[in-house]
């Protein structure tokens, strides 16, 4: 392990989170129940982001950058409805949203976050 670098929820292939120099890097978060629609999957994913950020001692008001990958851009408006309810008013972070083929066809959204502590 590199000095000052902490990894959380380490698996064989990836860690769910790394903290280094008071910056939190999350792996791409996807829904655990992929049978839900885009709203449900987005709520799950943002809940997972909240949980990981809290574990690192921060929250969504401290997000430095967010990358959102949607399997279908037709889900953009519905995803944004959930996002708008979740993001801290006045603290909306820089964000990119793109359409992408996700690793599993049932996943509708994947979110990658970098945040400050």
PDB file of N, CA and C in Angstrom:
ATOM      1  N   UNK A   1       0.839  -1.186   0.000  1.00  0.00           N
ATOM      2  CA  UNK A   1       0.000   0.000   0.000  1.00  0.00           C
ATOM      3  C   UNK A   1       0.882   1.246   0.000  1.00  0.00           C
ATOM      4  N   UNK A   2       0.533   2.202  -0.832  1.00  0.00           N
ATOM      5  CA  UNK A   2       1.268   3.451  -0.925  1.00  0.00           C
ATOM      6  C   UNK A   2       0.978   4.312   0.287  1.00  0.00           C
ATOM      7  N   UNK A   3       1.978   4.973   0.809  1.00  0.00           N
ATOM      8  CA  UNK A   3       1.820   5.804   1.999  1.00  0.00           C
ATOM      9  C   UNK A   3       0.768   6.884   1.771  1.00  0.00           C
ATOM     10  N   UNK A   4      -0.179   6.981   2.702  1.00  0.00           N
ATOM     11  CA  UNK A   4      -1.217   7.997   2.636  1.00  0.00           C
ATOM     12  C   UNK A   4      -2.386   7.638   1.742  1.00  0.00           C
ATOM     13  N   UNK A   5      -2.313   6.543   1.034  1.00  0.00           N
ATOM     14  CA  UNK A   5      -3.383   6.123   0.149  1.00  0.00           C
ATOM     15  C   UNK A   5      -4.179   5.015   0.839  1.00  0.00           C
ATOM     16  N   UNK A   6      -5.506   5.186   0.907  1.00  0.00           N
ATOM     17  CA  UNK A   6      -6.362   4.173   1.550  1.00  0.00           C
ATOM     18  C   UNK A   6      -7.386   3.677   0.542  1.00  0.00           C
ATOM     19  N   UNK A   7      -7.522   2.366   0.470  1.00  0.00           N
ATOM     20  CA  UNK A   7      -8.516   1.743  -0.407  1.00  0.00           C
ATOM     21  C   UNK A   7      -9.595   1.109   0.460  1.00  0.00           C
ATOM     22  N   UNK A   8     -10.836   1.176  -0.015  1.00  0.00           N
ATOM     23  CA  UNK A   8     -11.990   0.644   0.719  1.00  0.00           C
ATOM     24  C   UNK A   8     -12.705  -0.389  -0.136  1.00  0.00           C
ATOM     25  N   UNK A   9     -13.194  -1.429   0.530  1.00  0.00           N
ATOM     26  CA  UNK A   9     -13.974  -2.468  -0.151  1.00  0.00           C
ATOM     27  C   UNK A   9     -13.183  -3.020  -1.338  1.00  0.00           C
ATOM     28  N   UNK A  10     -11.999  -3.521  -1.025  1.00  0.00           N
ATOM     29  CA  UNK A  10     -11.061  -4.006  -2.034  1.00  0.00           C
ATOM     30  C   UNK A  10     -11.453  -5.406  -2.471  1.00  0.00           C
ATOM     31  N   UNK A  11     -11.570  -5.582  -3.765  1.00  0.00           N
ATOM     32  CA  UNK A  11     -11.830  -6.895  -4.342  1.00  0.00           C
ATOM     33  C   UNK A  11     -10.654  -7.327  -5.184  1.00  0.00           C
ATOM     34  N   UNK A  12     -10.815  -8.427  -5.869  1.00  0.00           N
ATOM     35  CA  UNK A  12      -9.746  -8.920  -6.734  1.00  0.00           C
ATOM     36  C   UNK A  12      -9.503  -7.998  -7.925  1.00  0.00           C
ATOM     37  N   UNK A  13     -10.580  -7.370  -8.424  1.00  0.00           N
ATOM     38  CA  UNK A  13     -10.475  -6.581  -9.635  1.00  0.00           C
ATOM     39  C   UNK A  13     -10.428  -5.082  -9.378  1.00  0.00           C
ATOM     40  N   UNK A  14     -11.115  -4.616  -8.322  1.00  0.00           N
ATOM     41  CA  UNK A  14     -11.182  -3.181  -8.084  1.00  0.00           C
ATOM     42  C   UNK A  14     -11.518  -2.884  -6.642  1.00  0.00           C
ATOM     43  N   UNK A  15     -11.282  -1.645  -6.258  1.00  0.00           N
ATOM     44  CA  UNK A  15     -11.709  -1.110  -4.970  1.00  0.00           C
ATOM     45  C   UNK A  15     -12.903  -0.203  -5.245  1.00  0.00           C
ATOM     46  N   UNK A  16     -13.850  -0.158  -4.330  1.00  0.00           N
ATOM     47  CA  UNK A  16     -15.002   0.718  -4.499  1.00  0.00           C
ATOM     48  C   UNK A  16     -14.627   2.183  -4.287  1.00  0.00           C
ATOM     49  N   UNK A  17     -13.564   2.411  -3.501  1.00  0.00           N
ATOM     50  CA  UNK A  17     -13.199   3.793  -3.184  1.00  0.00           C
ATOM     51  C   UNK A  17     -11.728   3.852  -2.794  1.00  0.00           C
ATOM     52  N   UNK A  18     -11.090   4.939  -3.202  1.00  0.00           N
ATOM     53  CA  UNK A  18      -9.728   5.251  -2.775  1.00  0.00           C
ATOM     54  C   UNK A  18      -9.730   6.676  -2.249  1.00  0.00           C
ATOM     55  N   UNK A  19      -9.005   6.892  -1.153  1.00  0.00           N
ATOM     56  CA  UNK A  19      -8.833   8.232  -0.593  1.00  0.00           C
ATOM     57  C   UNK A  19      -7.344   8.544  -0.599  1.00  0.00           C
ATOM     58  N   UNK A  20      -7.009   9.728  -1.144  1.00  0.00           N
ATOM     59  CA  UNK A  20      -5.621  10.170  -1.193  1.00  0.00           C
ATOM     60  C   UNK A  20      -5.602  11.693  -1.174  1.00  0.00           C
ATOM     61  N   UNK A  21      -4.771  12.256  -0.329  1.00  0.00           N
ATOM     62  CA  UNK A  21      -4.636  13.719  -0.223  1.00  0.00           C
ATOM     63  C   UNK A  21      -5.983  14.431  -0.082  1.00  0.00           C
ATOM     64  N   UNK A  22      -6.824  13.909   0.797  1.00  0.00           N
ATOM     65  CA  UNK A  22      -8.139  14.497   1.091  1.00  0.00           C
ATOM     66  C   UNK A  22      -9.056  14.554  -0.123  1.00  0.00           C
ATOM     67  N   UNK A  23      -8.825  13.628  -1.065  1.00  0.00           N
ATOM     68  CA  UNK A  23      -9.689  13.493  -2.225  1.00  0.00           C
ATOM     69  C   UNK A  23     -10.199  12.057  -2.274  1.00  0.00           C
ATOM     70  N   UNK A  24     -11.496  11.925  -2.572  1.00  0.00           N
ATOM     71  CA  UNK A  24     -12.161  10.624  -2.639  1.00  0.00           C
ATOM     72  C   UNK A  24     -12.437  10.298  -4.098  1.00  0.00           C
ATOM     73  N   UNK A  25     -12.051   9.099  -4.507  1.00  0.00           N
ATOM     74  CA  UNK A  25     -12.284   8.618  -5.863  1.00  0.00           C
ATOM     75  C   UNK A  25     -13.163   7.380  -5.774  1.00  0.00           C
ATOM     76  N   UNK A  26     -14.344   7.433  -6.359  1.00  0.00           N
ATOM     77  CA  UNK A  26     -15.234   6.275  -6.342  1.00  0.00           C
ATOM     78  C   UNK A  26     -15.135   5.513  -7.652  1.00  0.00           C
ATOM     79  N   UNK A  27     -15.234   4.204  -7.545  1.00  0.00           N
ATOM     80  CA  UNK A  27     -15.390   3.383  -8.742  1.00  0.00           C
ATOM     81  C   UNK A  27     -16.775   3.655  -9.310  1.00  0.00           C
ATOM     82  N   UNK A  28     -17.010   3.244 -10.523  1.00  0.00           N
ATOM     83  CA  UNK A  28     -18.332   3.393 -11.108  1.00  0.00           C
ATOM     84  C   UNK A  28     -19.358   2.643 -10.275  1.00  0.00           C
ATOM     85  N   UNK A  29     -20.424   3.331  -9.896  1.00  0.00           N
ATOM     86  CA  UNK A  29     -21.482   2.739  -9.077  1.00  0.00           C
ATOM     87  C   UNK A  29     -22.664   2.388  -9.978  1.00  0.00           C
ATOM     88  N   UNK A  30     -23.149   1.164  -9.826  1.00  0.00           N
ATOM     89  CA  UNK A  30     -24.284   0.672 -10.603  1.00  0.00           C
ATOM     90  C   UNK A  30     -25.329   0.113  -9.652  1.00  0.00           C
ATOM     91  N   UNK A  31     -26.536  -0.042 -10.149  1.00  0.00           N
ATOM     92  CA  UNK A  31     -27.646  -0.520  -9.321  1.00  0.00           C
ATOM     93  C   UNK A  31     -27.451  -1.979  -8.919  1.00  0.00           C
ATOM     94  N   UNK A  32     -27.790  -2.295  -7.669  1.00  0.00           N
ATOM     95  CA  UNK A  32     -27.758  -3.687  -7.224  1.00  0.00           C
ATOM     96  C   UNK A  32     -29.019  -4.417  -7.668  1.00  0.00           C
ATOM     97  N   UNK A  33     -30.123  -3.685  -7.843  1.00  0.00           N
ATOM     98  CA  UNK A  33     -31.369  -4.253  -8.361  1.00  0.00           C
ATOM     99  C   UNK A  33     -31.617  -3.653  -9.739  1.00  0.00           C
ATOM    100  N   UNK A  34     -31.099  -4.311 -10.747  1.00  0.00           N
ATOM    101  CA  UNK A  34     -31.175  -3.788 -12.101  1.00  0.00           C
ATOM    102  C   UNK A  34     -32.542  -3.999 -12.741  1.00  0.00           C
ATOM    103  N   UNK A  35     -33.486  -4.585 -12.016  1.00  0.00           N
ATOM    104  CA  UNK A  35     -34.835  -4.760 -12.568  1.00  0.00           C
ATOM    105  C   UNK A  35     -35.638  -3.455 -12.515  1.00  0.00           C
ATOM    106  N   UNK A  36     -35.134  -2.467 -11.781  1.00  0.00           N
ATOM    107  CA  UNK A  36     -35.847  -1.194 -11.646  1.00  0.00           C
ATOM    108  C   UNK A  36     -35.648  -0.322 -12.878  1.00  0.00           C
ATOM    109  N   UNK A  37     -36.559   0.652 -13.049  1.00  0.00           N
ATOM    110  CA  UNK A  37     -36.449   1.597 -14.150  1.00  0.00           C
ATOM    111  C   UNK A  37     -35.328   2.599 -13.856  1.00  0.00           C
ATOM    112  N   UNK A  38     -35.142   3.562 -14.745  1.00  0.00           N
ATOM    113  CA  UNK A  38     -34.037   4.513 -14.586  1.00  0.00           C
ATOM    114  C   UNK A  38     -34.151   5.296 -13.286  1.00  0.00           C
ATOM    115  N   UNK A  39     -35.355   5.665 -12.874  1.00  0.00           N
ATOM    116  CA  UNK A  39     -35.505   6.397 -11.612  1.00  0.00           C
ATOM    117  C   UNK A  39     -35.039   5.543 -10.431  1.00  0.00           C
ATOM    118  N   UNK A  40     -35.487   4.312 -10.403  1.00  0.00           N
ATOM    119  CA  UNK A  40     -35.093   3.412  -9.316  1.00  0.00           C
ATOM    120  C   UNK A  40     -33.610   3.128  -9.306  1.00  0.00           C
ATOM    121  N   UNK A  41     -33.039   2.883 -10.487  1.00  0.00           N
ATOM    122  CA  UNK A  41     -31.603   2.619 -10.545  1.00  0.00           C
ATOM    123  C   UNK A  41     -30.812   3.862 -10.155  1.00  0.00           C
ATOM    124  N   UNK A  42     -31.267   5.030 -10.585  1.00  0.00           N
ATOM    125  CA  UNK A  42     -30.561   6.267 -10.225  1.00  0.00           C
ATOM    126  C   UNK A  42     -30.620   6.493  -8.723  1.00  0.00           C
ATOM    127  N   UNK A  43     -31.777   6.271  -8.104  1.00  0.00           N
ATOM    128  CA  UNK A  43     -31.882   6.414  -6.645  1.00  0.00           C
ATOM    129  C   UNK A  43     -30.946   5.458  -5.927  1.00  0.00           C
ATOM    130  N   UNK A  44     -30.875   4.216  -6.392  1.00  0.00           N
ATOM    131  CA  UNK A  44     -29.960   3.245  -5.783  1.00  0.00           C
ATOM    132  C   UNK A  44     -28.512   3.710  -5.889  1.00  0.00           C
ATOM    133  N   UNK A  45     -28.131   4.114  -7.090  1.00  0.00           N
ATOM    134  CA  UNK A  45     -26.738   4.508  -7.337  1.00  0.00           C
ATOM    135  C   UNK A  45     -26.367   5.731  -6.496  1.00  0.00           C
ATOM    136  N   UNK A  46     -27.231   6.732  -6.464  1.00  0.00           N
ATOM    137  CA  UNK A  46     -26.917   7.928  -5.668  1.00  0.00           C
ATOM    138  C   UNK A  46     -26.901   7.607  -4.183  1.00  0.00           C
ATOM    139  N   UNK A  47     -27.714   6.666  -3.750  1.00  0.00           N
ATOM    140  CA  UNK A  47     -27.658   6.200  -2.363  1.00  0.00           C
ATOM    141  C   UNK A  47     -26.328   5.532  -2.048  1.00  0.00           C
ATOM    142  N   UNK A  48     -25.811   4.763  -3.001  1.00  0.00           N
ATOM    143  CA  UNK A  48     -24.501   4.124  -2.815  1.00  0.00           C
ATOM    144  C   UNK A  48     -23.400   5.182  -2.769  1.00  0.00           C
ATOM    145  N   UNK A  49     -23.505   6.197  -3.605  1.00  0.00           N
ATOM    146  CA  UNK A  49     -22.542   7.302  -3.579  1.00  0.00           C
ATOM    147  C   UNK A  49     -22.584   7.972  -2.209  1.00  0.00           C
ATOM    148  N   UNK A  50     -23.796   8.266  -1.715  1.00  0.00           N
ATOM    149  CA  UNK A  50     -23.932   8.868  -0.377  1.00  0.00           C
ATOM    150  C   UNK A  50     -23.250   8.026   0.692  1.00  0.00           C
ATOM    151  N   UNK A  51     -23.486   6.725   0.657  1.00  0.00           N
ATOM    152  CA  UNK A  51     -22.926   5.816   1.668  1.00  0.00           C
ATOM    153  C   UNK A  51     -21.396   5.814   1.627  1.00  0.00           C
ATOM    154  N   UNK A  52     -20.831   5.734   0.444  1.00  0.00           N
ATOM    155  CA  UNK A  52     -19.374   5.723   0.324  1.00  0.00           C
ATOM    156  C   UNK A  52     -18.767   7.059   0.742  1.00  0.00           C
ATOM    157  N   UNK A  53     -19.378   8.153   0.292  1.00  0.00           N
ATOM    158  CA  UNK A  53     -18.851   9.462   0.684  1.00  0.00           C
ATOM    159  C   UNK A  53     -18.913   9.644   2.198  1.00  0.00           C
ATOM    160  N   UNK A  54     -19.992   9.210   2.832  1.00  0.00           N
ATOM    161  CA  UNK A  54     -20.106   9.305   4.292  1.00  0.00           C
ATOM    162  C   UNK A  54     -19.015   8.483   4.965  1.00  0.00           C
ATOM    163  N   UNK A  55     -18.739   7.304   4.430  1.00  0.00           N
ATOM    164  CA  UNK A  55     -17.673   6.456   4.988  1.00  0.00           C
ATOM    165  C   UNK A  55     -16.322   7.167   4.929  1.00  0.00           C
ATOM    166  N   UNK A  56     -16.120   7.990   3.909  1.00  0.00           N
ATOM    167  CA  UNK A  56     -14.868   8.736   3.764  1.00  0.00           C
ATOM    168  C   UNK A  56     -14.879  10.045   4.545  1.00  0.00           C
ATOM    169  N   UNK A  57     -16.023  10.385   5.135  1.00  0.00           N
ATOM    170  CA  UNK A  57     -16.104  11.607   5.931  1.00  0.00           C
ATOM    171  C   UNK A  57     -16.499  12.832   5.141  1.00  0.00           C
ATOM    172  N   UNK A  58     -17.263  12.646   4.068  1.00  0.00           N
ATOM    173  CA  UNK A  58     -17.692  13.778   3.247  1.00  0.00           C
ATOM    174  C   UNK A  58     -19.115  13.541   2.763  1.00  0.00           C
ATOM    175  N   UNK A  59     -19.585  14.375   1.842  1.00  0.00           N
ATOM    176  CA  UNK A  59     -20.954  14.235   1.335  1.00  0.00           C
ATOM    177  C   UNK A  59     -21.063  14.816  -0.062  1.00  0.00           C
ATOM    178  N   UNK A  60     -22.280  14.786  -0.618  1.00  0.00           N
ATOM    179  CA  UNK A  60     -22.433  15.188  -2.019  1.00  0.00           C
ATOM    180  C   UNK A  60     -22.249  16.686  -2.252  1.00  0.00           C
ATOM    181  N   UNK A  61     -22.247  17.488  -1.211  1.00  0.00           N
ATOM    182  CA  UNK A  61     -21.956  18.926  -1.373  1.00  0.00           C
ATOM    183  C   UNK A  61     -20.480  19.157  -1.683  1.00  0.00           C
ATOM    184  N   UNK A  62     -19.652  18.121  -1.509  1.00  0.00           N
ATOM    185  CA  UNK A  62     -18.207  18.241  -1.727  1.00  0.00           C
ATOM    186  C   UNK A  62     -17.734  17.523  -2.993  1.00  0.00           C
ATOM    187  N   UNK A  63     -18.678  17.178  -3.873  1.00  0.00           N
ATOM    188  CA  UNK A  63     -18.298  16.522  -5.121  1.00  0.00           C
ATOM    189  C   UNK A  63     -17.540  17.512  -6.005  1.00  0.00           C
ATOM    190  N   UNK A  64     -16.389  17.078  -6.475  1.00  0.00           N
ATOM    191  CA  UNK A  64     -15.565  17.889  -7.366  1.00  0.00           C
ATOM    192  C   UNK A  64     -15.949  17.674  -8.827  1.00  0.00           C
ATOM    193  N   UNK A  65     -16.322  16.441  -9.173  1.00  0.00           N
ATOM    194  CA  UNK A  65     -16.678  16.097 -10.550  1.00  0.00           C
ATOM    195  C   UNK A  65     -17.502  14.826 -10.537  1.00  0.00           C
ATOM    196  N   UNK A  66     -18.505  14.784 -11.403  1.00  0.00           N
ATOM    197  CA  UNK A  66     -19.334  13.589 -11.545  1.00  0.00           C
ATOM    198  C   UNK A  66     -19.430  13.235 -13.015  1.00  0.00           C
ATOM    199  N   UNK A  67     -19.268  11.955 -13.292  1.00  0.00           N
ATOM    200  CA  UNK A  67     -19.438  11.440 -14.653  1.00  0.00           C
ATOM    201  C   UNK A  67     -20.594  10.451 -14.618  1.00  0.00           C
ATOM    202  N   UNK A  68     -21.565  10.663 -15.496  1.00  0.00           N
ATOM    203  CA  UNK A  68     -22.744   9.800 -15.555  1.00  0.00           C
ATOM    204  C   UNK A  68     -22.769   9.122 -16.918  1.00  0.00           C
ATOM    205  N   UNK A  69     -22.903   7.809 -16.891  1.00  0.00           N
ATOM    206  CA  UNK A  69     -22.983   7.006 -18.108  1.00  0.00           C
ATOM    207  C   UNK A  69     -24.387   6.415 -18.182  1.00  0.00           C
ATOM    208  N   UNK A  70     -25.110   6.732 -19.232  1.00  0.00           N
ATOM    209  CA  UNK A  70     -26.455   6.211 -19.451  1.00  0.00           C
ATOM    210  C   UNK A  70     -26.432   5.239 -20.622  1.00  0.00           C
ATOM    211  N   UNK A  71     -27.113   4.117 -20.448  1.00  0.00           N
ATOM    212  CA  UNK A  71     -27.217   3.162 -21.551  1.00  0.00           C
ATOM    213  C   UNK A  71     -28.070   3.730 -22.677  1.00  0.00           C
ATOM    214  N   UNK A  72     -29.035   4.591 -22.316  1.00  0.00           N
ATOM    215  CA  UNK A  72     -29.942   5.162 -23.301  1.00  0.00           C
ATOM    216  C   UNK A  72     -30.208   6.624 -22.951  1.00  0.00           C
ATOM    217  N   UNK A  73     -29.872   7.527 -23.842  1.00  0.00           N
ATOM    218  CA  UNK A  73     -30.080   8.953 -23.574  1.00  0.00           C
ATOM    219  C   UNK A  73     -31.559   9.324 -23.479  1.00  0.00           C
ATOM    220  N   UNK A  74     -32.441   8.427 -23.859  1.00  0.00           N
ATOM    221  CA  UNK A  74     -33.873   8.659 -23.659  1.00  0.00           C
ATOM    222  C   UNK A  74     -34.204   8.723 -22.167  1.00  0.00           C
ATOM    223  N   UNK A  75     -33.320   8.195 -21.313  1.00  0.00           N
ATOM    224  CA  UNK A  75     -33.506   8.217 -19.855  1.00  0.00           C
ATOM    225  C   UNK A  75     -32.965   9.494 -19.210  1.00  0.00           C
ATOM    226  N   UNK A  76     -32.417  10.397 -19.997  1.00  0.00           N
ATOM    227  CA  UNK A  76     -31.762  11.594 -19.470  1.00  0.00           C
ATOM    228  C   UNK A  76     -32.691  12.435 -18.597  1.00  0.00           C
ATOM    229  N   UNK A  77     -33.881  12.729 -19.053  1.00  0.00           N
ATOM    230  CA  UNK A  77     -34.804  13.584 -18.297  1.00  0.00           C
ATOM    231  C   UNK A  77     -35.226  12.928 -16.984  1.00  0.00           C
ATOM    232  N   UNK A  78     -35.558  11.653 -17.010  1.00  0.00           N
ATOM    233  CA  UNK A  78     -35.980  10.960 -15.784  1.00  0.00           C
ATOM    234  C   UNK A  78     -34.826  10.854 -14.787  1.00  0.00           C
ATOM    235  N   UNK A  79     -33.617  10.593 -15.286  1.00  0.00           N
ATOM    236  CA  UNK A  79     -32.448  10.559 -14.406  1.00  0.00           C
ATOM    237  C   UNK A  79     -32.246  11.923 -13.764  1.00  0.00           C
ATOM    238  N   UNK A  80     -32.389  12.985 -14.555  1.00  0.00           N
ATOM    239  CA  UNK A  80     -32.202  14.339 -14.029  1.00  0.00           C
ATOM    240  C   UNK A  80     -33.225  14.694 -12.954  1.00  0.00           C
ATOM    241  N   UNK A  81     -34.435  14.169 -13.034  1.00  0.00           N
ATOM    242  CA  UNK A  81     -35.433  14.415 -11.991  1.00  0.00           C
ATOM    243  C   UNK A  81     -34.932  13.895 -10.644  1.00  0.00           C
ATOM    244  N   UNK A  82     -34.374  12.699 -10.650  1.00  0.00           N
ATOM    245  CA  UNK A  82     -33.834  12.111  -9.412  1.00  0.00           C
ATOM    246  C   UNK A  82     -32.596  12.883  -8.975  1.00  0.00           C
ATOM    247  N   UNK A  83     -31.714  13.197  -9.913  1.00  0.00           N
ATOM    248  CA  UNK A  83     -30.499  13.970  -9.620  1.00  0.00           C
ATOM    249  C   UNK A  83     -30.847  15.294  -8.969  1.00  0.00           C
ATOM    250  N   UNK A  84     -31.814  16.014  -9.552  1.00  0.00           N
ATOM    251  CA  UNK A  84     -32.175  17.348  -9.048  1.00  0.00           C
ATOM    252  C   UNK A  84     -32.689  17.292  -7.616  1.00  0.00           C
ATOM    253  N   UNK A  85     -33.359  16.209  -7.244  1.00  0.00           N
ATOM    254  CA  UNK A  85     -33.822  16.037  -5.854  1.00  0.00           C
ATOM    255  C   UNK A  85     -32.679  15.687  -4.912  1.00  0.00           C
ATOM    256  N   UNK A  86     -31.611  15.135  -5.456  1.00  0.00           N
ATOM    257  CA  UNK A  86     -30.496  14.636  -4.638  1.00  0.00           C
ATOM    258  C   UNK A  86     -29.397  15.674  -4.433  1.00  0.00           C
ATOM    259  N   UNK A  87     -29.088  16.424  -5.481  1.00  0.00           N
ATOM    260  CA  UNK A  87     -27.952  17.346  -5.407  1.00  0.00           C
ATOM    261  C   UNK A  87     -28.265  18.481  -4.422  1.00  0.00           C
ATOM    262  N   UNK A  88     -27.257  18.912  -3.712  1.00  0.00           N
ATOM    263  CA  UNK A  88     -27.408  19.987  -2.735  1.00  0.00           C
ATOM    264  C   UNK A  88     -27.631  21.317  -3.458  1.00  0.00           C
ATOM    265  N   UNK A  89     -28.740  22.005  -3.170  1.00  0.00           N
ATOM    266  CA  UNK A  89     -28.985  23.289  -3.843  1.00  0.00           C
ATOM    267  C   UNK A  89     -27.807  24.248  -3.638  1.00  0.00           C
ATOM    268  N   UNK A  90     -27.379  24.860  -4.719  1.00  0.00           N
ATOM    269  CA  UNK A  90     -26.259  25.784  -4.668  1.00  0.00           C
ATOM    270  C   UNK A  90     -24.905  25.116  -4.743  1.00  0.00           C
ATOM    271  N   UNK A  91     -24.869  23.773  -4.710  1.00  0.00           N
ATOM    272  CA  UNK A  91     -23.608  23.033  -4.759  1.00  0.00           C
ATOM    273  C   UNK A  91     -23.583  22.013  -5.888  1.00  0.00           C
ATOM    274  N   UNK A  92     -24.309  22.276  -6.963  1.00  0.00           N
ATOM    275  CA  UNK A  92     -24.291  21.342  -8.093  1.00  0.00           C
ATOM    276  C   UNK A  92     -22.872  21.262  -8.659  1.00  0.00           C
ATOM    277  N   UNK A  93     -22.312  20.063  -8.724  1.00  0.00           N
ATOM    278  CA  UNK A  93     -20.929  19.923  -9.184  1.00  0.00           C
ATOM    279  C   UNK A  93     -20.827  19.946 -10.707  1.00  0.00           C
ATOM    280  N   UNK A  94     -19.609  20.117 -11.222  1.00  0.00           N
ATOM    281  CA  UNK A  94     -19.396  19.890 -12.642  1.00  0.00           C
ATOM    282  C   UNK A  94     -19.802  18.449 -12.948  1.00  0.00           C
ATOM    283  N   UNK A  95     -20.364  18.253 -14.133  1.00  0.00           N
ATOM    284  CA  UNK A  95     -20.889  16.933 -14.451  1.00  0.00           C
ATOM    285  C   UNK A  95     -20.833  16.709 -15.952  1.00  0.00           C
ATOM    286  N   UNK A  96     -20.568  15.478 -16.334  1.00  0.00           N
ATOM    287  CA  UNK A  96     -20.664  15.063 -17.726  1.00  0.00           C
ATOM    288  C   UNK A  96     -21.621  13.885 -17.784  1.00  0.00           C
ATOM    289  N   UNK A  97     -22.472  13.869 -18.786  1.00  0.00           N
ATOM    290  CA  UNK A  97     -23.385  12.745 -18.993  1.00  0.00           C
ATOM    291  C   UNK A  97     -23.227  12.293 -20.432  1.00  0.00           C
ATOM    292  N   UNK A  98     -22.950  11.002 -20.601  1.00  0.00           N
ATOM    293  CA  UNK A  98     -22.753  10.449 -21.936  1.00  0.00           C
ATOM    294  C   UNK A  98     -23.526   9.142 -22.067  1.00  0.00           C
ATOM    295  N   UNK A  99     -23.808   8.782 -23.295  1.00  0.00           N
ATOM    296  CA  UNK A  99     -24.391   7.477 -23.563  1.00  0.00           C
ATOM    297  C   UNK A  99     -23.253   6.489 -23.732  1.00  0.00           C
ATOM    298  N   UNK A 100     -23.406   5.310 -23.128  1.00  0.00           N
ATOM    299  CA  UNK A 100     -22.351   4.300 -23.196  1.00  0.00           C
ATOM    300  C   UNK A 100     -22.958   2.905 -23.094  1.00  0.00           C
ATOM    301  N   UNK A 101     -22.294   1.961 -23.702  1.00  0.00           N
ATOM    302  CA  UNK A 101     -22.658   0.559 -23.523  1.00  0.00           C
ATOM    303  C   UNK A 101     -22.086   0.132 -22.168  1.00  0.00           C
ATOM    304  N   UNK A 102     -22.965  -0.186 -21.223  1.00  0.00           N
ATOM    305  CA  UNK A 102     -22.506  -0.582 -19.887  1.00  0.00           C
ATOM    306  C   UNK A 102     -22.178  -2.074 -19.881  1.00  0.00           C
ATOM    307  N   UNK A 103     -21.462  -2.510 -18.848  1.00  0.00           N
ATOM    308  CA  UNK A 103     -20.942  -3.877 -18.793  1.00  0.00           C
ATOM    309  C   UNK A 103     -22.036  -4.938 -18.767  1.00  0.00           C
ATOM    310  N   UNK A 104     -23.207  -4.596 -18.241  1.00  0.00           N
ATOM    311  CA  UNK A 104     -24.340  -5.531 -18.228  1.00  0.00           C
ATOM    312  C   UNK A 104     -25.533  -4.857 -18.901  1.00  0.00           C
ATOM    313  N   UNK A 105     -26.223  -5.556 -19.765  1.00  0.00           N
ATOM    314  CA  UNK A 105     -27.323  -4.928 -20.505  1.00  0.00           C
ATOM    315  C   UNK A 105     -28.474  -4.440 -19.630  1.00  0.00           C
ATOM    316  N   UNK A 106     -28.646  -4.995 -18.448  1.00  0.00           N
ATOM    317  CA  UNK A 106     -29.733  -4.575 -17.559  1.00  0.00           C
ATOM    318  C   UNK A 106     -29.419  -3.282 -16.795  1.00  0.00           C
ATOM    319  N   UNK A 107     -28.159  -2.876 -16.758  1.00  0.00           N
ATOM    320  CA  UNK A 107     -27.805  -1.628 -16.102  1.00  0.00           C
ATOM    321  C   UNK A 107     -28.190  -0.458 -17.002  1.00  0.00           C
ATOM    322  N   UNK A 108     -28.820   0.539 -16.406  1.00  0.00           N
ATOM    323  CA  UNK A 108     -29.244   1.717 -17.144  1.00  0.00           C
ATOM    324  C   UNK A 108     -28.344   2.925 -16.871  1.00  0.00           C
ATOM    325  N   UNK A 109     -27.608   2.873 -15.746  1.00  0.00           N
ATOM    326  CA  UNK A 109     -26.805   4.021 -15.329  1.00  0.00           C
ATOM    327  C   UNK A 109     -25.578   3.555 -14.559  1.00  0.00           C
ATOM    328  N   UNK A 110     -24.479   4.268 -14.734  1.00  0.00           N
ATOM    329  CA  UNK A 110     -23.270   4.103 -13.923  1.00  0.00           C
ATOM    330  C   UNK A 110     -22.754   5.499 -13.611  1.00  0.00           C
ATOM    331  N   UNK A 111     -22.361   5.709 -12.360  1.00  0.00           N
ATOM    332  CA  UNK A 111     -21.939   7.039 -11.895  1.00  0.00           C
ATOM    333  C   UNK A 111     -20.558   6.935 -11.270  1.00  0.00           C
ATOM    334  N   UNK A 112     -19.660   7.829 -11.700  1.00  0.00           N
ATOM    335  CA  UNK A 112     -18.302   7.932 -11.157  1.00  0.00           C
ATOM    336  C   UNK A 112     -18.170   9.313 -10.514  1.00  0.00           C
ATOM    337  N   UNK A 113     -17.681   9.335  -9.270  1.00  0.00           N
ATOM    338  CA  UNK A 113     -17.586  10.579  -8.512  1.00  0.00           C
ATOM    339  C   UNK A 113     -16.184  10.768  -7.965  1.00  0.00           C
ATOM    340  N   UNK A 114     -15.734  12.023  -7.981  1.00  0.00           N
ATOM    341  CA  UNK A 114     -14.535  12.453  -7.271  1.00  0.00           C
ATOM    342  C   UNK A 114     -14.991  13.558  -6.327  1.00  0.00           C
ATOM    343  N   UNK A 115     -14.571  13.472  -5.058  1.00  0.00           N
ATOM    344  CA  UNK A 115     -15.035  14.449  -4.051  1.00  0.00           C
ATOM    345  C   UNK A 115     -13.897  14.846  -3.127  1.00  0.00           C
ATOM    346  N   UNK A 116     -14.064  15.993  -2.514  1.00  0.00           N
ATOM    347  CA  UNK A 116     -13.116  16.479  -1.507  1.00  0.00           C
ATOM    348  C   UNK A 116     -13.586  16.073  -0.128  1.00  0.00           C
ATOM    349  N   UNK A 117     -12.625  15.910   0.782  1.00  0.00           N
ATOM    350  CA  UNK A 117     -12.959  15.668   2.187  1.00  0.00           C
ATOM    351  C   UNK A 117     -12.864  16.988   2.901  1.00  0.00           C
TER     352      UNK A 117
END
